[in-house]
Amino acid sequence: MSRFILREIERALERPSRNELLDAIQAQPEIALDPSPAEIIRAERELR
């Protein structure tokens, strides 16, 4: 195999799997936004 392909395979293997990413995201604490994203979008739409 070419060096390029071998490097790409190595890089792909170093990245976390989809399940590892999902687990890491779910482990993060929930953040309460004030104002909520819906409120921000609604206010922006009302300005138009």
Protein backbone atom coordinates (compact mmCIF):
# COMPACT_ATOMS: atom_id res chain seq x y z
CA MET A 1 0.00 0.00 0.00
CA SER A 2 1.07 3.53 -0.55
CA ARG A 3 2.29 5.63 2.36
CA PHE A 4 -0.67 7.93 1.88
CA ILE A 5 -3.18 5.12 2.31
CA LEU A 6 -1.33 3.76 5.34
CA ARG A 7 -1.34 7.23 6.96
CA GLU A 8 -5.05 7.61 6.29
CA ILE A 9 -5.77 4.22 7.86
CA GLU A 10 -3.68 5.14 10.91
CA ARG A 11 -5.50 8.46 11.27
CA ALA A 12 -8.88 6.76 11.00
CA LEU A 13 -7.93 4.25 13.69
CA GLU A 14 -6.80 7.02 16.05
CA ARG A 15 -10.19 8.78 15.94
CA PRO A 16 -12.86 7.80 18.47
CA SER A 17 -15.64 5.57 17.23
CA ARG A 18 -19.19 6.81 16.83
CA ASN A 19 -20.22 5.07 20.05
CA GLU A 20 -17.29 6.60 21.95
CA LEU A 21 -18.32 10.05 20.73
CA LEU A 22 -21.94 9.49 21.71
CA ASP A 23 -20.89 8.25 25.17
CA ALA A 24 -18.71 11.32 25.67
CA ILE A 25 -21.54 13.65 24.64
CA GLN A 26 -24.04 11.92 26.92
CA ALA A 27 -21.59 12.13 29.84
CA GLN A 28 -21.54 15.94 29.60
CA PRO A 29 -23.80 17.83 32.01
CA GLU A 30 -26.87 19.53 30.61
CA ILE A 31 -26.62 23.26 30.17
CA ALA A 32 -29.61 25.54 30.73
CA LEU A 33 -29.53 28.40 28.26
CA ASP A 34 -31.22 31.66 29.11
CA PRO A 35 -32.80 32.77 26.89
CA SER A 36 -33.52 29.48 25.20
CA PRO A 37 -32.51 28.94 21.57
CA ALA A 38 -36.20 28.97 20.61
CA GLU A 39 -36.66 32.36 22.29
CA ILE A 40 -33.62 33.77 20.48
CA ILE A 41 -34.87 32.53 17.10
CA ARG A 42 -38.39 33.83 17.79
CA ALA A 43 -37.04 37.28 18.73
CA GLU A 44 -34.86 37.36 15.61
CA ARG A 45 -37.84 36.44 13.40
CA GLU A 46 -39.97 39.14 14.99
CA LEU A 47 -37.36 41.74 14.00
CA ARG A 48 -37.89 40.99 10.31
